[in-house]
């Protein structure tokens, strides 16, 4: 639905505006929409499936399972990395084109939506999720007592899940 809306809007923009800047702008919007939609799917899946599923595990199983999935990301899985970093780069490039190009009233919408995505999705990731993920990665599951394991999980899970739900809502709204 977002892609269809984009295509219709792009057709009107390209029909009424000419020049290379509009083509770059339209391509930037398309790439940003696709990559942000993929990031949205990722954080949404964690919010409604992955974390609720992991919440049913014991403390040790939870930490091991989260460490295993996060390790794939930490090892710079190429498709994930291309989508995640690509979403940031494409949004920034599209915002710059909107700022310096003659794109009409779309300028302010692109700047506002881009800023919300960068701060609300990527900002939360950098300021909340990455530090929490790194803290959990440092836990040596086989060497920690049950009480300490329970505390590590408690400090991690509630905050991570809370902010991921916020991040999921923001990413859904921005992508639409």
C-alpha atoms as a PDB file:
ATOM      1  CA  UNK A   1       0.000   0.000   0.000  1.00  0.00           C
ATOM      2  CA  UNK A   2       2.876   2.389   0.779  1.00  0.00           C
ATOM      3  CA  UNK A   3       4.561   1.438  -2.507  1.00  0.00           C
ATOM      4  CA  UNK A   4       1.341   2.056  -4.472  1.00  0.00           C
ATOM      5  CA  UNK A   5       0.887   5.441  -2.779  1.00  0.00           C
ATOM      6  CA  UNK A   6       4.492   6.261  -3.560  1.00  0.00           C
ATOM      7  CA  UNK A   7       4.105   5.336  -7.219  1.00  0.00           C
ATOM      8  CA  UNK A   8       0.966   7.424  -7.604  1.00  0.00           C
ATOM      9  CA  UNK A   9       2.557  10.404  -5.845  1.00  0.00           C
ATOM     10  CA  UNK A  10       5.737  10.013  -7.895  1.00  0.00           C
ATOM     11  CA  UNK A  11       3.758   9.955 -11.126  1.00  0.00           C
ATOM     12  CA  UNK A  12       2.094  13.258 -10.232  1.00  0.00           C
ATOM     13  CA  UNK A  13       5.362  14.814  -9.083  1.00  0.00           C
ATOM     14  CA  UNK A  14       7.215  13.732 -12.223  1.00  0.00           C
ATOM     15  CA  UNK A  15       4.310  14.765 -14.447  1.00  0.00           C
ATOM     16  CA  UNK A  16       4.145  18.313 -13.105  1.00  0.00           C
ATOM     17  CA  UNK A  17       7.804  18.872 -12.307  1.00  0.00           C
ATOM     18  CA  UNK A  18      10.660  18.179 -14.640  1.00  0.00           C
ATOM     19  CA  UNK A  19      14.395  17.905 -14.238  1.00  0.00           C
ATOM     20  CA  UNK A  20      16.938  15.554 -12.832  1.00  0.00           C
ATOM     21  CA  UNK A  21      16.402  16.633  -9.241  1.00  0.00           C
ATOM     22  CA  UNK A  22      12.850  15.314  -9.373  1.00  0.00           C
ATOM     23  CA  UNK A  23      14.050  11.983 -10.733  1.00  0.00           C
ATOM     24  CA  UNK A  24      16.635  11.690  -7.959  1.00  0.00           C
ATOM     25  CA  UNK A  25      13.994  12.738  -5.455  1.00  0.00           C
ATOM     26  CA  UNK A  26      11.535  10.105  -6.734  1.00  0.00           C
ATOM     27  CA  UNK A  27      14.205   7.392  -6.662  1.00  0.00           C
ATOM     28  CA  UNK A  28      15.226   8.462  -3.150  1.00  0.00           C
ATOM     29  CA  UNK A  29      11.620   8.260  -2.001  1.00  0.00           C
ATOM     30  CA  UNK A  30      11.194   4.808  -3.519  1.00  0.00           C
ATOM     31  CA  UNK A  31      14.400   3.396  -2.036  1.00  0.00           C
ATOM     32  CA  UNK A  32      13.691   5.009   1.355  1.00  0.00           C
ATOM     33  CA  UNK A  33      10.147   3.667   1.398  1.00  0.00           C
ATOM     34  CA  UNK A  34      11.244   0.121   0.602  1.00  0.00           C
ATOM     35  CA  UNK A  35      14.147   0.051   3.058  1.00  0.00           C
ATOM     36  CA  UNK A  36      12.185   1.723   5.866  1.00  0.00           C
ATOM     37  CA  UNK A  37       9.329  -0.733   5.282  1.00  0.00           C
ATOM     38  CA  UNK A  38      11.784  -3.617   5.685  1.00  0.00           C
ATOM     39  CA  UNK A  39      13.147  -2.113   8.919  1.00  0.00           C
ATOM     40  CA  UNK A  40       9.558  -1.635  10.079  1.00  0.00           C
ATOM     41  CA  UNK A  41       8.852  -5.300   9.423  1.00  0.00           C
ATOM     42  CA  UNK A  42      11.896  -6.257  11.463  1.00  0.00           C
ATOM     43  CA  UNK A  43      11.067  -4.188  14.546  1.00  0.00           C
ATOM     44  CA  UNK A  44       7.358  -5.035  14.246  1.00  0.00           C
ATOM     45  CA  UNK A  45       8.170  -8.761  14.152  1.00  0.00           C
ATOM     46  CA  UNK A  46      10.268  -8.406  17.289  1.00  0.00           C
ATOM     47  CA  UNK A  47       7.443  -6.499  18.993  1.00  0.00           C
ATOM     48  CA  UNK A  48       4.620  -8.920  18.218  1.00  0.00           C
ATOM     49  CA  UNK A  49       6.302 -12.311  17.753  1.00  0.00           C
ATOM     50  CA  UNK A  50       9.947 -12.645  18.802  1.00  0.00           C
ATOM     51  CA  UNK A  51       9.940 -10.979  22.224  1.00  0.00           C
ATOM     52  CA  UNK A  52       6.562 -12.411  23.286  1.00  0.00           C
ATOM     53  CA  UNK A  53       7.871 -15.841  22.267  1.00  0.00           C
ATOM     54  CA  UNK A  54      11.153 -15.383  24.115  1.00  0.00           C
ATOM     55  CA  UNK A  55       9.267 -14.171  27.188  1.00  0.00           C
ATOM     56  CA  UNK A  56       7.967 -17.729  27.646  1.00  0.00           C
ATOM     57  CA  UNK A  57      11.493 -19.094  28.123  1.00  0.00           C
ATOM     58  CA  UNK A  58      13.375 -19.553  31.369  1.00  0.00           C
ATOM     59  CA  UNK A  59      15.929 -16.862  32.220  1.00  0.00           C
ATOM     60  CA  UNK A  60      18.892 -18.860  30.868  1.00  0.00           C
ATOM     61  CA  UNK A  61      17.026 -19.910  27.727  1.00  0.00           C
ATOM     62  CA  UNK A  62      15.910 -16.312  27.151  1.00  0.00           C
ATOM     63  CA  UNK A  63      19.427 -14.903  27.428  1.00  0.00           C
ATOM     64  CA  UNK A  64      20.908 -17.658  25.225  1.00  0.00           C
ATOM     65  CA  UNK A  65      18.210 -17.222  22.570  1.00  0.00           C
ATOM     66  CA  UNK A  66      18.538 -13.438  22.489  1.00  0.00           C
ATOM     67  CA  UNK A  67      22.318 -13.652  22.401  1.00  0.00           C
ATOM     68  CA  UNK A  68      22.130 -16.073  19.459  1.00  0.00           C
ATOM     69  CA  UNK A  69      19.833 -13.876  17.384  1.00  0.00           C
ATOM     70  CA  UNK A  70      21.670 -10.681  18.281  1.00  0.00           C
ATOM     71  CA  UNK A  71      25.009 -12.303  17.464  1.00  0.00           C
ATOM     72  CA  UNK A  72      23.883 -12.707  13.849  1.00  0.00           C
ATOM     73  CA  UNK A  73      23.315  -8.952  13.687  1.00  0.00           C
ATOM     74  CA  UNK A  74      26.504  -8.149  15.618  1.00  0.00           C
ATOM     75  CA  UNK A  75      28.455 -10.246  13.093  1.00  0.00           C
ATOM     76  CA  UNK A  76      27.259  -7.817  10.413  1.00  0.00           C
ATOM     77  CA  UNK A  77      24.898 -10.106   8.545  1.00  0.00           C
ATOM     78  CA  UNK A  78      25.165  -8.536   5.057  1.00  0.00           C
ATOM     79  CA  UNK A  79      21.488  -8.400   4.065  1.00  0.00           C
ATOM     80  CA  UNK A  80      20.437  -7.022   7.441  1.00  0.00           C
ATOM     81  CA  UNK A  81      23.266  -4.491   7.388  1.00  0.00           C
ATOM     82  CA  UNK A  82      22.439  -3.350   3.830  1.00  0.00           C
ATOM     83  CA  UNK A  83      18.785  -2.825   4.728  1.00  0.00           C
ATOM     84  CA  UNK A  84      19.368  -1.176   8.108  1.00  0.00           C
ATOM     85  CA  UNK A  85      22.215   1.154   7.102  1.00  0.00           C
ATOM     86  CA  UNK A  86      20.673   1.631   3.654  1.00  0.00           C
ATOM     87  CA  UNK A  87      17.494   2.946   5.257  1.00  0.00           C
ATOM     88  CA  UNK A  88      19.486   5.565   7.144  1.00  0.00           C
ATOM     89  CA  UNK A  89      21.521   6.616   4.116  1.00  0.00           C
ATOM     90  CA  UNK A  90      18.552   6.725   1.746  1.00  0.00           C
ATOM     91  CA  UNK A  91      16.500   8.817   4.178  1.00  0.00           C
ATOM     92  CA  UNK A  92      19.381  11.265   4.693  1.00  0.00           C
ATOM     93  CA  UNK A  93      20.035  11.558   0.943  1.00  0.00           C
ATOM     94  CA  UNK A  94      16.335  12.066   0.230  1.00  0.00           C
ATOM     95  CA  UNK A  95      16.154  14.725   2.937  1.00  0.00           C
ATOM     96  CA  UNK A  96      19.156  16.541   1.434  1.00  0.00           C
ATOM     97  CA  UNK A  97      17.593  16.416  -2.038  1.00  0.00           C
ATOM     98  CA  UNK A  98      14.338  17.758  -0.581  1.00  0.00           C
ATOM     99  CA  UNK A  99      16.212  20.523   1.216  1.00  0.00           C
ATOM    100  CA  UNK A 100      18.304  21.743  -1.712  1.00  0.00           C
ATOM    101  CA  UNK A 101      16.103  20.750  -4.644  1.00  0.00           C
ATOM    102  CA  UNK A 102      13.001  22.315  -6.036  1.00  0.00           C
ATOM    103  CA  UNK A 103      10.532  19.687  -4.849  1.00  0.00           C
ATOM    104  CA  UNK A 104       7.704  21.985  -3.833  1.00  0.00           C
ATOM    105  CA  UNK A 105       5.519  21.276  -0.840  1.00  0.00           C
ATOM    106  CA  UNK A 106       6.929  17.760  -0.499  1.00  0.00           C
ATOM    107  CA  UNK A 107      10.069  19.287   1.020  1.00  0.00           C
ATOM    108  CA  UNK A 108       8.642  19.812   4.489  1.00  0.00           C
ATOM    109  CA  UNK A 109       6.855  16.480   4.605  1.00  0.00           C
ATOM    110  CA  UNK A 110      10.045  14.624   3.655  1.00  0.00           C
ATOM    111  CA  UNK A 111      12.128  16.579   6.169  1.00  0.00           C
ATOM    112  CA  UNK A 112       9.608  15.986   8.975  1.00  0.00           C
ATOM    113  CA  UNK A 113       9.060  12.284   8.261  1.00  0.00           C
ATOM    114  CA  UNK A 114      12.784  11.717   7.762  1.00  0.00           C
ATOM    115  CA  UNK A 115      13.614  13.400  11.072  1.00  0.00           C
ATOM    116  CA  UNK A 116      10.983  11.346  12.908  1.00  0.00           C
ATOM    117  CA  UNK A 117      12.392   8.129  11.393  1.00  0.00           C
ATOM    118  CA  UNK A 118      16.008   8.989  12.187  1.00  0.00           C
ATOM    119  CA  UNK A 119      15.281  10.103  15.749  1.00  0.00           C
ATOM    120  CA  UNK A 120      12.389   7.806  16.615  1.00  0.00           C
ATOM    121  CA  UNK A 121      13.612   4.560  15.074  1.00  0.00           C
ATOM    122  CA  UNK A 122      17.362   4.857  14.624  1.00  0.00           C
ATOM    123  CA  UNK A 123      17.853   7.153  17.626  1.00  0.00           C
ATOM    124  CA  UNK A 124      16.114   4.682  19.938  1.00  0.00           C
ATOM    125  CA  UNK A 125      18.163   1.862  18.427  1.00  0.00           C
ATOM    126  CA  UNK A 126      21.458   3.624  19.094  1.00  0.00           C
ATOM    127  CA  UNK A 127      20.605   5.062  22.504  1.00  0.00           C
ATOM    128  CA  UNK A 128      18.600   2.180  24.011  1.00  0.00           C
ATOM    129  CA  UNK A 129      18.791  -1.104  22.109  1.00  0.00           C
ATOM    130  CA  UNK A 130      22.469  -1.286  21.187  1.00  0.00           C
ATOM    131  CA  UNK A 131      23.692  -0.643  24.766  1.00  0.00           C
ATOM    132  CA  UNK A 132      21.180  -3.155  26.158  1.00  0.00           C
ATOM    133  CA  UNK A 133      22.147  -5.738  23.524  1.00  0.00           C
ATOM    134  CA  UNK A 134      25.832  -5.260  24.333  1.00  0.00           C
ATOM    135  CA  UNK A 135      25.152  -5.666  28.066  1.00  0.00           C
ATOM    136  CA  UNK A 136      23.292  -8.915  27.443  1.00  0.00           C
ATOM    137  CA  UNK A 137      26.023 -10.168  25.090  1.00  0.00           C
ATOM    138  CA  UNK A 138      28.517  -9.816  27.942  1.00  0.00           C
ATOM    139  CA  UNK A 139      26.585 -12.253  30.156  1.00  0.00           C
ATOM    140  CA  UNK A 140      28.309 -15.634  30.437  1.00  0.00           C
ATOM    141  CA  UNK A 141      25.239 -17.845  30.755  1.00  0.00           C
ATOM    142  CA  UNK A 142      27.014 -20.939  32.095  1.00  0.00           C
ATOM    143  CA  UNK A 143      28.984 -19.027  34.732  1.00  0.00           C
ATOM    144  CA  UNK A 144      26.293 -16.914  36.378  1.00  0.00           C
ATOM    145  CA  UNK A 145      24.013 -17.967  39.240  1.00  0.00           C
ATOM    146  CA  UNK A 146      20.239 -18.147  38.786  1.00  0.00           C
ATOM    147  CA  UNK A 147      19.487 -15.074  40.890  1.00  0.00           C
ATOM    148  CA  UNK A 148      21.940 -12.904  38.952  1.00  0.00           C
ATOM    149  CA  UNK A 149      20.595 -14.301  35.670  1.00  0.00           C
ATOM    150  CA  UNK A 150      17.056 -13.362  36.693  1.00  0.00           C
ATOM    151  CA  UNK A 151      18.219  -9.819  37.521  1.00  0.00           C
ATOM    152  CA  UNK A 152      20.092  -9.431  34.216  1.00  0.00           C
ATOM    153  CA  UNK A 153      16.994 -10.505  32.318  1.00  0.00           C
ATOM    154  CA  UNK A 154      14.727  -8.226  34.351  1.00  0.00           C
ATOM    155  CA  UNK A 155      16.950  -5.199  33.680  1.00  0.00           C
ATOM    156  CA  UNK A 156      17.111  -6.030  29.972  1.00  0.00           C
ATOM    157  CA  UNK A 157      13.731  -7.374  28.896  1.00  0.00           C
ATOM    158  CA  UNK A 158      11.332  -4.743  30.212  1.00  0.00           C
ATOM    159  CA  UNK A 159      13.251  -1.746  28.902  1.00  0.00           C
ATOM    160  CA  UNK A 160      14.154  -3.383  25.572  1.00  0.00           C
ATOM    161  CA  UNK A 161      10.564  -4.462  24.906  1.00  0.00           C
ATOM    162  CA  UNK A 162       9.061  -1.122  25.966  1.00  0.00           C
ATOM    163  CA  UNK A 163      11.290   0.895  23.651  1.00  0.00           C
ATOM    164  CA  UNK A 164      10.929  -1.601  20.824  1.00  0.00           C
ATOM    165  CA  UNK A 165       7.155  -1.147  20.928  1.00  0.00           C
ATOM    166  CA  UNK A 166       7.668   2.618  20.670  1.00  0.00           C
ATOM    167  CA  UNK A 167      10.131   2.101  17.834  1.00  0.00           C
ATOM    168  CA  UNK A 168       7.683  -0.246  16.057  1.00  0.00           C
ATOM    169  CA  UNK A 169       4.813   2.248  16.262  1.00  0.00           C
ATOM    170  CA  UNK A 170       6.992   5.108  15.032  1.00  0.00           C
ATOM    171  CA  UNK A 171       8.372   3.046  12.156  1.00  0.00           C
ATOM    172  CA  UNK A 172       4.876   1.916  11.126  1.00  0.00           C
ATOM    173  CA  UNK A 173       3.543   5.491  11.154  1.00  0.00           C
ATOM    174  CA  UNK A 174       6.550   6.857   9.267  1.00  0.00           C
ATOM    175  CA  UNK A 175       6.476   4.123   6.645  1.00  0.00           C
ATOM    176  CA  UNK A 176       2.794   4.677   5.895  1.00  0.00           C
END
